[in-house]
Structure formats: structure tokens, C-alpha cells
Amino acid sequence: MISEKKFQKEIDGIIANAIREDVGNGDHSSLACIPEDATGTAKLLVKDEGIIAGVDFARQVFDYVDNGLEVDVKIQDGETVSYGDIAFFVSGSSQSILKAERLVLNAMQRMSAIATKTNKFVQLLEGTGTKILDTRKTTPGIRALEKWAVKIGGGENHRFALYDMIMLKDNHIDFCGGITKAIQTTRNYLETNSLDLKIIVEARNLEEIAEILENEGVYRVLIDNFNYEDTRKAVAMIGDTCLTESSGGINLETVRKYADCGVDYISSGALTHSVYNMDLSLKAV
């Protein structure tokens, strides 16, 4: 995974670009009717239920827009919320609060939805030893926010992007000319370029599982679109040779059954690509 420093750089970039996109040469609605020296207070009102996420991000947005704004947090990231809860108050320049409002709400609504859905998976996996992972099926430009929300919800991050882990999927294997050739070529590439990256290899059937196991250097096998019976067989074949991960359309109804097959990880793109935003509002006090 990427370092905390690099992750923070991603967050900084998201904030800067979002404000550029939304504000442009000025928030003329506020500039037109709110005096420059006007001050006020607003509250982040929850009108839904689930896991709140994005409070710390909101704090960073307010600081970016105006470091004179003061945020009084009442509910921390990762806590359960219900209708009528107030996550925080923000006080200071009225113009600044309004300038930051939409970015704060857009981010927190989506992050909270992702954290809430992730937490449902986490609860279903309790007692199994299996961990839920996100994927790269994220919204372009705000991946860092969505993966942050997964962590807040109790899940774990898969690779962040193409550069921090090797993942040999079906197309890589087919374009390269087979599983063994893909693994061996990848290991040579890593050695030649002095790269220390873990290798995950996708298997489409039990025959491919067997071939993967004939090669060294594989960190995790991706057991993709297997049924329960074959997943159990694959886990037994792999044993302690490397870690295991199930994927492929796994949802809240099936996740526990796959975990009971003994896999170490389950990855689900639905954590980030299929959520309904939490209803939140920023209201003047």
C-alpha cells in the first residue's frame, strides 16, 4: 500500500481540485449577498442512519478554504449515527463556510455510504477470520476518499493503484501466453527493476490453481468467480503456500458462505461502486 505521506498528498490534491472546480473565480452567490465580515455557525445534520465518515476530511476542507474556521466535532469518523444527530459545528466567516459547504457534503455523503456498506460486510464476517477488501472500482479522481471510507467502515484496502502491487488477471495471463510464463516474466521484471511488489495471480478454475502452485513467489491467489464447492477445494489445494482471496459478484447475501470456505480475504467492488449516499445537510444555526 502507499505511504501515509503519499495518501495525504492524494487528499490534498482532491481538495484543491474540487475547490477549483466548484468555486472558480468566486462564489458569487455568497459574495453578492453576504458581507465580507459576516460570521456565523453551521451544523452538520444527519438525516439518515449508518456509519459517519468524512469528518476529518471536512476539517481539512474548512482549513484549506479558511484556516480561521473553527470546527467543533461531536461525532467522530466510524461512529454510528441516526436521524437528528449533529456530527459537528463549524464557526467563522459565513462566506467561507458557504464556499466549503458543497465539497464537504458531497464527500461526507458518499464516504458515509461506503463506510456503512463496508461495515455491513464486516459484521457478517465476524468470527470467520476472513477480511473484506475494496477494489480499484472507484470513482475517478476521488479514489483516496473512497478507500479511506472503507477503512473507516472496518474494511481493508486492496492495492491503491496499478503501481503498488502486481495483479496478474485473466487478460494479463492470456496476453502473456499462460500462467507460468506470466509469473516468471513478472518475477524477472521485478528483479531487473529492483521493485519490491507483491504478486497476486487470478485463477479461473482448479487447473489454474494447480499451475499457480507450481510457481514460487506468489503472495496471494485470487479465486475468481468460483462456486462454494470449488472454492473449498481451491483453499485446500493452496493450504499454507500463500494467501487466498475470493472475488466475483460476492454480495451481502453470499459473503458469509464464501468466508466459511476458509479464504483469507474477500474483495468486493460493490463497497465503492454501488452505494446510496447518506442524507446529510449543513444548516445555519
C-alpha atoms as a PDB file:
ATOM      1  CA  MET A   1       0.000   0.000   0.000  1.00  0.00           C
ATOM      2  CA  ILE A   2       1.044   3.598  -0.447  1.00  0.00           C
ATOM      3  CA  SER A   3       2.608   5.539   2.416  1.00  0.00           C
ATOM      4  CA  GLU A   4       0.661   7.891   4.672  1.00  0.00           C
ATOM      5  CA  LYS A   5       2.573  10.807   3.141  1.00  0.00           C
ATOM      6  CA  LYS A   6       1.561   9.845  -0.388  1.00  0.00           C
ATOM      7  CA  PHE A   7      -2.019   9.189   0.716  1.00  0.00           C
ATOM      8  CA  GLN A   8      -2.209  12.657   2.287  1.00  0.00           C
ATOM      9  CA  LYS A   9      -0.860  14.134  -0.943  1.00  0.00           C
ATOM     10  CA  GLU A  10      -3.775  12.469  -2.757  1.00  0.00           C
ATOM     11  CA  ILE A  11      -6.236  14.012  -0.286  1.00  0.00           C
ATOM     12  CA  ASP A  12      -4.642  17.446  -0.654  1.00  0.00           C
ATOM     13  CA  GLY A  13      -4.958  17.154  -4.427  1.00  0.00           C
ATOM     14  CA  ILE A  14      -8.623  16.165  -4.206  1.00  0.00           C
ATOM     15  CA  ILE A  15      -9.427  19.202  -2.062  1.00  0.00           C
ATOM     16  CA  ALA A  16      -7.515  21.654  -4.250  1.00  0.00           C
ATOM     17  CA  ASN A  17      -9.067  20.330  -7.462  1.00  0.00           C
ATOM     18  CA  ALA A  18     -12.600  20.193  -6.044  1.00  0.00           C
ATOM     19  CA  ILE A  19     -12.460  23.790  -4.816  1.00  0.00           C
ATOM     20  CA  ARG A  20     -11.031  24.885  -8.178  1.00  0.00           C
ATOM     21  CA  GLU A  21     -13.860  23.070  -9.956  1.00  0.00           C
ATOM     22  CA  ASP A  22     -16.635  24.387  -7.714  1.00  0.00           C
ATOM     23  CA  VAL A  23     -15.538  27.923  -6.863  1.00  0.00           C
ATOM     24  CA  GLY A  24     -13.640  29.059  -9.946  1.00  0.00           C
ATOM     25  CA  ASN A  25     -13.157  32.820  -9.803  1.00  0.00           C
ATOM     26  CA  GLY A  26     -15.516  33.198  -6.864  1.00  0.00           C
ATOM     27  CA  ASP A  27     -18.659  32.057  -5.049  1.00  0.00           C
ATOM     28  CA  HIS A  28     -20.691  34.913  -6.493  1.00  0.00           C
ATOM     29  CA  SER A  29     -23.914  33.850  -4.759  1.00  0.00           C
ATOM     30  CA  SER A  30     -22.298  34.456  -1.378  1.00  0.00           C
ATOM     31  CA  LEU A  31     -20.209  37.423  -2.492  1.00  0.00           C
ATOM     32  CA  ALA A  32     -23.352  39.114  -3.787  1.00  0.00           C
ATOM     33  CA  CYS A  33     -25.400  38.999  -0.585  1.00  0.00           C
ATOM     34  CA  ILE A  34     -23.184  38.095   2.397  1.00  0.00           C
ATOM     35  CA  PRO A  35     -20.995  40.891   3.856  1.00  0.00           C
ATOM     36  CA  GLU A  36     -17.295  40.059   3.821  1.00  0.00           C
ATOM     37  CA  ASP A  37     -17.015  40.479   7.587  1.00  0.00           C
ATOM     38  CA  ALA A  38     -20.152  38.443   8.407  1.00  0.00           C
ATOM     39  CA  THR A  39     -19.662  35.474  10.713  1.00  0.00           C
ATOM     40  CA  GLY A  40     -21.873  32.570  11.634  1.00  0.00           C
ATOM     41  CA  THR A  41     -22.160  28.962  12.715  1.00  0.00           C
ATOM     42  CA  ALA A  42     -23.465  25.921  10.851  1.00  0.00           C
ATOM     43  CA  LYS A  43     -24.130  22.342  11.940  1.00  0.00           C
ATOM     44  CA  LEU A  44     -23.680  19.083  10.045  1.00  0.00           C
ATOM     45  CA  LEU A  45     -27.101  17.473  10.451  1.00  0.00           C
ATOM     46  CA  VAL A  46     -27.594  13.735   9.943  1.00  0.00           C
ATOM     47  CA  LYS A  47     -30.898  12.781   8.293  1.00  0.00           C
ATOM     48  CA  ASP A  48     -30.177   9.086   7.919  1.00  0.00           C
ATOM     49  CA  GLU A  49     -28.594   6.218   9.827  1.00  0.00           C
ATOM     50  CA  GLY A  50     -25.365   4.306   9.450  1.00  0.00           C
ATOM     51  CA  ILE A  51     -21.651   4.918   9.922  1.00  0.00           C
ATOM     52  CA  ILE A  52     -20.422   8.506   9.635  1.00  0.00           C
ATOM     53  CA  ALA A  53     -17.297   9.088   7.566  1.00  0.00           C
ATOM     54  CA  GLY A  54     -15.505  12.161   6.293  1.00  0.00           C
ATOM     55  CA  VAL A  55     -15.454  14.251   9.461  1.00  0.00           C
ATOM     56  CA  ASP A  56     -11.671  14.558   9.371  1.00  0.00           C
ATOM     57  CA  PHE A  57     -11.814  15.279   5.643  1.00  0.00           C
ATOM     58  CA  ALA A  58     -14.346  18.056   6.301  1.00  0.00           C
ATOM     59  CA  ARG A  59     -11.978  19.554   8.831  1.00  0.00           C
ATOM     60  CA  GLN A  60      -9.248  19.608   6.192  1.00  0.00           C
ATOM     61  CA  VAL A  61     -11.563  21.235   3.638  1.00  0.00           C
ATOM     62  CA  PHE A  62     -12.562  24.003   6.046  1.00  0.00           C
ATOM     63  CA  ASP A  63      -8.907  24.601   6.898  1.00  0.00           C
ATOM     64  CA  TYR A  64      -7.991  24.783   3.194  1.00  0.00           C
ATOM     65  CA  VAL A  65     -10.753  27.282   2.442  1.00  0.00           C
ATOM     66  CA  ASP A  66     -10.129  29.405   5.548  1.00  0.00           C
ATOM     67  CA  ASN A  67      -7.792  28.424   8.377  1.00  0.00           C
ATOM     68  CA  GLY A  68      -9.739  30.794  10.623  1.00  0.00           C
ATOM     69  CA  LEU A  69     -12.766  28.500  10.636  1.00  0.00           C
ATOM     70  CA  GLU A  70     -13.263  26.539  13.867  1.00  0.00           C
ATOM     71  CA  VAL A  71     -14.715  23.026  13.827  1.00  0.00           C
ATOM     72  CA  ASP A  72     -16.251  21.533  16.962  1.00  0.00           C
ATOM     73  CA  VAL A  73     -16.560  17.780  16.365  1.00  0.00           C
ATOM     74  CA  LYS A  74     -19.342  15.967  18.226  1.00  0.00           C
ATOM     75  CA  ILE A  75     -19.219  12.600  16.426  1.00  0.00           C
ATOM     76  CA  GLN A  76     -16.004  11.024  15.175  1.00  0.00           C
ATOM     77  CA  ASP A  77     -15.415   9.085  11.964  1.00  0.00           C
ATOM     78  CA  GLY A  78     -16.552   5.483  12.304  1.00  0.00           C
ATOM     79  CA  GLU A  79     -19.264   6.106  14.879  1.00  0.00           C
ATOM     80  CA  THR A  80     -22.864   5.022  14.373  1.00  0.00           C
ATOM     81  CA  VAL A  81     -25.315   7.864  13.674  1.00  0.00           C
ATOM     82  CA  SER A  82     -29.069   8.208  13.377  1.00  0.00           C
ATOM     83  CA  TYR A  83     -31.580  10.821  12.248  1.00  0.00           C
ATOM     84  CA  GLY A  84     -31.183  14.130  14.083  1.00  0.00           C
ATOM     85  CA  ASP A  85     -27.574  13.652  15.185  1.00  0.00           C
ATOM     86  CA  ILE A  86     -25.164  16.566  14.770  1.00  0.00           C
ATOM     87  CA  ALA A  87     -21.702  15.498  13.647  1.00  0.00           C
ATOM     88  CA  PHE A  88     -20.023  18.885  14.113  1.00  0.00           C
ATOM     89  CA  PHE A  89     -20.413  22.651  14.255  1.00  0.00           C
ATOM     90  CA  VAL A  90     -18.301  24.991  12.134  1.00  0.00           C
ATOM     91  CA  SER A  91     -17.928  28.682  13.011  1.00  0.00           C
ATOM     92  CA  GLY A  92     -16.308  31.677  11.380  1.00  0.00           C
ATOM     93  CA  SER A  93     -16.626  33.584   8.132  1.00  0.00           C
ATOM     94  CA  SER A  94     -20.056  32.978   6.625  1.00  0.00           C
ATOM     95  CA  GLN A  95     -18.653  33.306   3.116  1.00  0.00           C
ATOM     96  CA  SER A  96     -16.005  30.683   3.855  1.00  0.00           C
ATOM     97  CA  ILE A  97     -18.498  28.216   5.318  1.00  0.00           C
ATOM     98  CA  LEU A  98     -20.662  28.533   2.212  1.00  0.00           C
ATOM     99  CA  LYS A  99     -17.672  28.129  -0.090  1.00  0.00           C
ATOM    100  CA  ALA A 100     -16.740  24.813   1.567  1.00  0.00           C
ATOM    101  CA  GLU A 101     -20.285  23.527   2.048  1.00  0.00           C
ATOM    102  CA  ARG A 102     -20.837  21.539  -1.143  1.00  0.00           C
ATOM    103  CA  LEU A 103     -17.477  19.779  -1.150  1.00  0.00           C
ATOM    104  CA  VAL A 104     -17.928  18.791   2.496  1.00  0.00           C
ATOM    105  CA  LEU A 105     -21.425  17.420   1.881  1.00  0.00           C
ATOM    106  CA  ASN A 106     -20.628  15.632  -1.383  1.00  0.00           C
ATOM    107  CA  ALA A 107     -17.638  13.884   0.180  1.00  0.00           C
ATOM    108  CA  MET A 108     -19.238  13.022   3.503  1.00  0.00           C
ATOM    109  CA  GLN A 109     -22.445  11.702   1.949  1.00  0.00           C
ATOM    110  CA  ARG A 110     -20.540   9.292  -0.269  1.00  0.00           C
ATOM    111  CA  MET A 111     -17.901   8.363   2.295  1.00  0.00           C
ATOM    112  CA  SER A 112     -20.564   7.641   4.904  1.00  0.00           C
ATOM    113  CA  ALA A 113     -22.472   5.425   2.466  1.00  0.00           C
ATOM    114  CA  ILE A 114     -19.313   3.446   1.696  1.00  0.00           C
ATOM    115  CA  ALA A 115     -18.381   3.124   5.373  1.00  0.00           C
ATOM    116  CA  THR A 116     -21.917   1.974   6.187  1.00  0.00           C
ATOM    117  CA  LYS A 117     -21.952  -0.692   3.467  1.00  0.00           C
ATOM    118  CA  THR A 118     -18.458  -1.875   4.361  1.00  0.00           C
ATOM    119  CA  ASN A 119     -19.465  -2.225   7.990  1.00  0.00           C
ATOM    120  CA  LYS A 120     -22.370  -4.481   6.998  1.00  0.00           C
ATOM    121  CA  PHE A 121     -19.883  -6.833   5.328  1.00  0.00           C
ATOM    122  CA  VAL A 122     -17.590  -6.659   8.356  1.00  0.00           C
ATOM    123  CA  GLN A 123     -20.410  -7.621  10.694  1.00  0.00           C
ATOM    124  CA  LEU A 124     -21.362 -10.591   8.514  1.00  0.00           C
ATOM    125  CA  LEU A 125     -17.745 -11.808   8.569  1.00  0.00           C
ATOM    126  CA  GLU A 126     -17.363 -11.691  12.341  1.00  0.00           C
ATOM    127  CA  GLY A 127     -15.872 -14.890  13.727  1.00  0.00           C
ATOM    128  CA  THR A 128     -14.635 -16.217  10.365  1.00  0.00           C
ATOM    129  CA  GLY A 129     -11.136 -14.744  10.196  1.00  0.00           C
ATOM    130  CA  THR A 130     -11.897 -13.508   6.663  1.00  0.00           C
ATOM    131  CA  LYS A 131     -11.334  -9.838   5.880  1.00  0.00           C
ATOM    132  CA  ILE A 132     -13.199  -7.665   3.381  1.00  0.00           C
ATOM    133  CA  LEU A 133     -11.220  -5.771   0.745  1.00  0.00           C
ATOM    134  CA  ASP A 134     -12.116  -2.976  -1.636  1.00  0.00           C
ATOM    135  CA  THR A 135     -11.019  -2.860  -5.293  1.00  0.00           C
ATOM    136  CA  ARG A 136      -9.964  -0.311  -7.925  1.00  0.00           C
ATOM    137  CA  LYS A 137     -13.630   0.060  -8.956  1.00  0.00           C
ATOM    138  CA  THR A 138     -13.715   3.575  -7.572  1.00  0.00           C
ATOM    139  CA  THR A 139     -14.883   6.980  -8.800  1.00  0.00           C
ATOM    140  CA  PRO A 140     -12.098   8.542 -10.914  1.00  0.00           C
ATOM    141  CA  GLY A 141     -10.395  11.374  -9.077  1.00  0.00           C
ATOM    142  CA  ILE A 142     -11.583  10.539  -5.557  1.00  0.00           C
ATOM    143  CA  ARG A 143     -10.197   7.032  -5.016  1.00  0.00           C
ATOM    144  CA  ALA A 144      -8.388   8.115  -1.865  1.00  0.00           C
ATOM    145  CA  LEU A 145     -11.644   9.281  -0.274  1.00  0.00           C
ATOM    146  CA  GLU A 146     -13.470   6.072  -1.111  1.00  0.00           C
ATOM    147  CA  LYS A 147     -10.685   3.814   0.133  1.00  0.00           C
ATOM    148  CA  TRP A 148     -10.442   5.948   3.281  1.00  0.00           C
ATOM    149  CA  ALA A 149     -14.149   5.367   3.841  1.00  0.00           C
ATOM    150  CA  VAL A 150     -13.672   1.593   3.516  1.00  0.00           C
ATOM    151  CA  LYS A 151     -11.084   1.732   6.305  1.00  0.00           C
ATOM    152  CA  ILE A 152     -13.421   3.815   8.466  1.00  0.00           C
ATOM    153  CA  GLY A 153     -16.111   1.172   7.963  1.00  0.00           C
ATOM    154  CA  GLY A 154     -13.785  -1.558   9.221  1.00  0.00           C
ATOM    155  CA  GLY A 155     -12.633  -2.976   5.894  1.00  0.00           C
ATOM    156  CA  GLU A 156      -9.157  -3.173   4.418  1.00  0.00           C
ATOM    157  CA  ASN A 157      -7.675  -1.630   1.314  1.00  0.00           C
ATOM    158  CA  HIS A 158      -6.538  -3.755  -1.605  1.00  0.00           C
ATOM    159  CA  ARG A 159      -3.764  -2.219  -3.711  1.00  0.00           C
ATOM    160  CA  PHE A 160      -4.268   1.511  -4.142  1.00  0.00           C
ATOM    161  CA  ALA A 161      -3.443   1.606  -7.840  1.00  0.00           C
ATOM    162  CA  LEU A 162      -1.528  -0.149 -10.601  1.00  0.00           C
ATOM    163  CA  TYR A 163       1.837   0.866  -9.201  1.00  0.00           C
ATOM    164  CA  ASP A 164       1.837  -0.575  -5.674  1.00  0.00           C
ATOM    165  CA  MET A 165       1.100  -4.274  -6.292  1.00  0.00           C
ATOM    166  CA  ILE A 166       1.297  -6.777  -9.143  1.00  0.00           C
ATOM    167  CA  MET A 167      -2.034  -8.371 -10.049  1.00  0.00           C
ATOM    168  CA  LEU A 168      -1.958 -10.856 -12.914  1.00  0.00           C
ATOM    169  CA  LYS A 169      -5.548 -11.211 -14.068  1.00  0.00           C
ATOM    170  CA  ASP A 170      -7.043 -13.177 -16.946  1.00  0.00           C
ATOM    171  CA  ASN A 171      -6.104 -10.668 -19.648  1.00  0.00           C
ATOM    172  CA  HIS A 172      -2.513 -10.359 -18.424  1.00  0.00           C
ATOM    173  CA  ILE A 173      -2.200 -14.141 -18.426  1.00  0.00           C
ATOM    174  CA  ASP A 174      -3.773 -14.555 -21.876  1.00  0.00           C
ATOM    175  CA  PHE A 175      -1.792 -11.721 -23.467  1.00  0.00           C
ATOM    176  CA  CYS A 176       1.427 -13.034 -21.942  1.00  0.00           C
ATOM    177  CA  GLY A 177       0.882 -16.621 -23.058  1.00  0.00           C
ATOM    178  CA  GLY A 178      -0.067 -18.500 -19.901  1.00  0.00           C
ATOM    179  CA  ILE A 179       0.127 -18.530 -16.113  1.00  0.00           C
ATOM    180  CA  THR A 180       3.647 -19.863 -15.681  1.00  0.00           C
ATOM    181  CA  LYS A 181       5.106 -17.529 -18.288  1.00  0.00           C
ATOM    182  CA  ALA A 182       3.276 -14.546 -16.739  1.00  0.00           C
ATOM    183  CA  ILE A 183       4.590 -15.317 -13.246  1.00  0.00           C
ATOM    184  CA  GLN A 184       8.162 -15.991 -14.359  1.00  0.00           C
ATOM    185  CA  THR A 185       8.272 -12.913 -16.591  1.00  0.00           C
ATOM    186  CA  THR A 186       6.881 -10.791 -13.763  1.00  0.00           C
ATOM    187  CA  ARG A 187       9.468 -12.043 -11.281  1.00  0.00           C
ATOM    188  CA  ASN A 188      12.249 -11.245 -13.763  1.00  0.00           C
ATOM    189  CA  TYR A 189      10.786  -7.778 -14.316  1.00  0.00           C
ATOM    190  CA  LEU A 190      10.695  -7.051 -10.581  1.00  0.00           C
ATOM    191  CA  GLU A 191      14.274  -8.230 -10.121  1.00  0.00           C
ATOM    192  CA  THR A 192      15.567  -6.295 -13.121  1.00  0.00           C
ATOM    193  CA  ASN A 193      13.903  -3.082 -11.936  1.00  0.00           C
ATOM    194  CA  SER A 194      14.686  -3.592  -8.219  1.00  0.00           C
ATOM    195  CA  LEU A 195      10.997  -3.460  -7.315  1.00  0.00           C
ATOM    196  CA  ASP A 196       9.617  -4.987  -4.136  1.00  0.00           C
ATOM    197  CA  LEU A 197       5.987  -5.612  -5.083  1.00  0.00           C
ATOM    198  CA  LYS A 198       3.734  -8.482  -4.018  1.00  0.00           C
ATOM    199  CA  ILE A 199       2.264 -10.694  -6.722  1.00  0.00           C
ATOM    200  CA  ILE A 200      -1.385 -11.749  -6.867  1.00  0.00           C
ATOM    201  CA  VAL A 201      -2.447 -14.213  -9.570  1.00  0.00           C
ATOM    202  CA  GLU A 202      -6.032 -14.806 -10.661  1.00  0.00           C
ATOM    203  CA  ALA A 203      -7.292 -18.340 -11.224  1.00  0.00           C
ATOM    204  CA  ARG A 204     -10.374 -19.180 -13.274  1.00  0.00           C
ATOM    205  CA  ASN A 205     -10.565 -22.867 -12.396  1.00  0.00           C
ATOM    206  CA  LEU A 206      -8.919 -25.560 -10.284  1.00  0.00           C
ATOM    207  CA  GLU A 207      -6.493 -26.452 -13.092  1.00  0.00           C
ATOM    208  CA  GLU A 208      -5.137 -22.924 -12.993  1.00  0.00           C
ATOM    209  CA  ILE A 209      -4.861 -23.134  -9.195  1.00  0.00           C
ATOM    210  CA  ALA A 210      -2.637 -26.195  -9.643  1.00  0.00           C
ATOM    211  CA  GLU A 211      -0.434 -24.423 -12.181  1.00  0.00           C
ATOM    212  CA  ILE A 212      -0.050 -21.337  -9.994  1.00  0.00           C
ATOM    213  CA  LEU A 213       1.134 -23.559  -7.148  1.00  0.00           C
ATOM    214  CA  GLU A 214       3.905 -24.938  -9.363  1.00  0.00           C
ATOM    215  CA  ASN A 215       5.496 -21.472  -9.314  1.00  0.00           C
ATOM    216  CA  GLU A 216       7.253 -19.630  -6.498  1.00  0.00           C
ATOM    217  CA  GLY A 217       6.872 -16.026  -5.450  1.00  0.00           C
ATOM    218  CA  VAL A 218       3.062 -15.736  -5.461  1.00  0.00           C
ATOM    219  CA  TYR A 219       1.759 -13.771  -2.470  1.00  0.00           C
ATOM    220  CA  ARG A 220      -1.960 -14.395  -2.936  1.00  0.00           C
ATOM    221  CA  VAL A 221      -4.198 -16.395  -5.251  1.00  0.00           C
ATOM    222  CA  LEU A 222      -7.349 -14.689  -6.487  1.00  0.00           C
ATOM    223  CA  ILE A 223     -10.052 -17.361  -6.629  1.00  0.00           C
ATOM    224  CA  ASP A 224     -12.323 -15.604  -9.094  1.00  0.00           C
ATOM    225  CA  ASN A 225     -15.967 -16.487  -9.775  1.00  0.00           C
ATOM    226  CA  PHE A 226     -15.737 -19.952  -8.169  1.00  0.00           C
ATOM    227  CA  ASN A 227     -18.745 -21.659  -6.620  1.00  0.00           C
ATOM    228  CA  TYR A 228     -18.659 -22.643  -2.954  1.00  0.00           C
ATOM    229  CA  GLU A 229     -17.577 -26.240  -3.548  1.00  0.00           C
ATOM    230  CA  ASP A 230     -14.679 -25.334  -5.830  1.00  0.00           C
ATOM    231  CA  THR A 231     -13.662 -22.510  -3.507  1.00  0.00           C
ATOM    232  CA  ARG A 232     -13.299 -25.015  -0.676  1.00  0.00           C
ATOM    233  CA  LYS A 233     -11.281 -27.297  -2.945  1.00  0.00           C
ATOM    234  CA  ALA A 234      -9.048 -24.394  -4.000  1.00  0.00           C
ATOM    235  CA  VAL A 235      -8.411 -23.381  -0.380  1.00  0.00           C
ATOM    236  CA  ALA A 236      -7.483 -26.974   0.461  1.00  0.00           C
ATOM    237  CA  MET A 237      -5.118 -27.184  -2.513  1.00  0.00           C
ATOM    238  CA  ILE A 238      -3.394 -23.906  -1.632  1.00  0.00           C
ATOM    239  CA  GLY A 239      -3.077 -24.658   2.077  1.00  0.00           C
ATOM    240  CA  ASP A 240      -0.347 -22.544   3.651  1.00  0.00           C
ATOM    241  CA  THR A 241       1.512 -21.960   0.381  1.00  0.00           C
ATOM    242  CA  CYS A 242       0.119 -18.443   0.052  1.00  0.00           C
ATOM    243  CA  LEU A 243      -2.903 -16.338   0.962  1.00  0.00           C
ATOM    244  CA  THR A 244      -6.306 -16.721  -0.670  1.00  0.00           C
ATOM    245  CA  GLU A 245      -8.874 -14.211  -1.919  1.00  0.00           C
ATOM    246  CA  SER A 246     -12.365 -14.782  -3.294  1.00  0.00           C
ATOM    247  CA  SER A 247     -13.974 -12.330  -5.698  1.00  0.00           C
ATOM    248  CA  GLY A 248     -16.599 -12.068  -8.391  1.00  0.00           C
ATOM    249  CA  GLY A 249     -20.093 -10.777  -7.649  1.00  0.00           C
ATOM    250  CA  ILE A 250     -19.938 -11.550  -3.936  1.00  0.00           C
ATOM    251  CA  ASN A 251     -22.622  -9.631  -2.043  1.00  0.00           C
ATOM    252  CA  LEU A 252     -24.178  -9.346   1.405  1.00  0.00           C
ATOM    253  CA  GLU A 253     -26.223 -12.499   0.805  1.00  0.00           C
ATOM    254  CA  THR A 254     -23.260 -14.684  -0.210  1.00  0.00           C
ATOM    255  CA  VAL A 255     -20.258 -13.215   1.614  1.00  0.00           C
ATOM    256  CA  ARG A 256     -20.586 -15.360   4.731  1.00  0.00           C
ATOM    257  CA  LYS A 257     -20.801 -18.580   2.685  1.00  0.00           C
ATOM    258  CA  TYR A 258     -17.586 -17.714   0.866  1.00  0.00           C
ATOM    259  CA  ALA A 259     -15.893 -16.855   4.160  1.00  0.00           C
ATOM    260  CA  ASP A 260     -16.949 -20.236   5.518  1.00  0.00           C
ATOM    261  CA  CYS A 261     -14.970 -21.804   2.668  1.00  0.00           C
ATOM    262  CA  GLY A 262     -11.832 -20.670   4.505  1.00  0.00           C
ATOM    263  CA  VAL A 263     -10.500 -17.839   2.333  1.00  0.00           C
ATOM    264  CA  ASP A 264      -8.314 -15.173   3.919  1.00  0.00           C
ATOM    265  CA  TYR A 265      -9.852 -12.274   2.004  1.00  0.00           C
ATOM    266  CA  ILE A 266     -12.955 -11.407   0.045  1.00  0.00           C
ATOM    267  CA  SER A 267     -12.841  -8.456  -2.353  1.00  0.00           C
ATOM    268  CA  SER A 268     -15.939  -6.591  -3.443  1.00  0.00           C
ATOM    269  CA  GLY A 269     -16.225  -3.739  -5.904  1.00  0.00           C
ATOM    270  CA  ALA A 270     -19.724  -3.091  -4.552  1.00  0.00           C
ATOM    271  CA  LEU A 271     -18.212  -1.409  -1.496  1.00  0.00           C
ATOM    272  CA  THR A 272     -17.419   1.618  -3.633  1.00  0.00           C
ATOM    273  CA  HIS A 273     -19.376   1.379  -6.876  1.00  0.00           C
ATOM    274  CA  SER A 274     -22.862   0.511  -5.581  1.00  0.00           C
ATOM    275  CA  VAL A 275     -23.878   2.731  -2.688  1.00  0.00           C
ATOM    276  CA  TYR A 276     -26.637   5.237  -1.945  1.00  0.00           C
ATOM    277  CA  ASN A 277     -25.394   8.460  -0.394  1.00  0.00           C
ATOM    278  CA  MET A 278     -26.196   9.131   3.231  1.00  0.00           C
ATOM    279  CA  ASP A 279     -28.565  12.079   3.683  1.00  0.00           C
ATOM    280  CA  LEU A 280     -26.647  14.915   5.350  1.00  0.00           C
ATOM    281  CA  SER A 281     -27.173  18.684   5.471  1.00  0.00           C
ATOM    282  CA  LEU A 282     -25.140  21.678   6.555  1.00  0.00           C
ATOM    283  CA  LYS A 283     -27.559  24.102   8.213  1.00  0.00           C
ATOM    284  CA  ALA A 284     -27.028  27.563   9.648  1.00  0.00           C
ATOM    285  CA  VAL A 285     -27.559  27.730  13.387  1.00  0.00           C
END
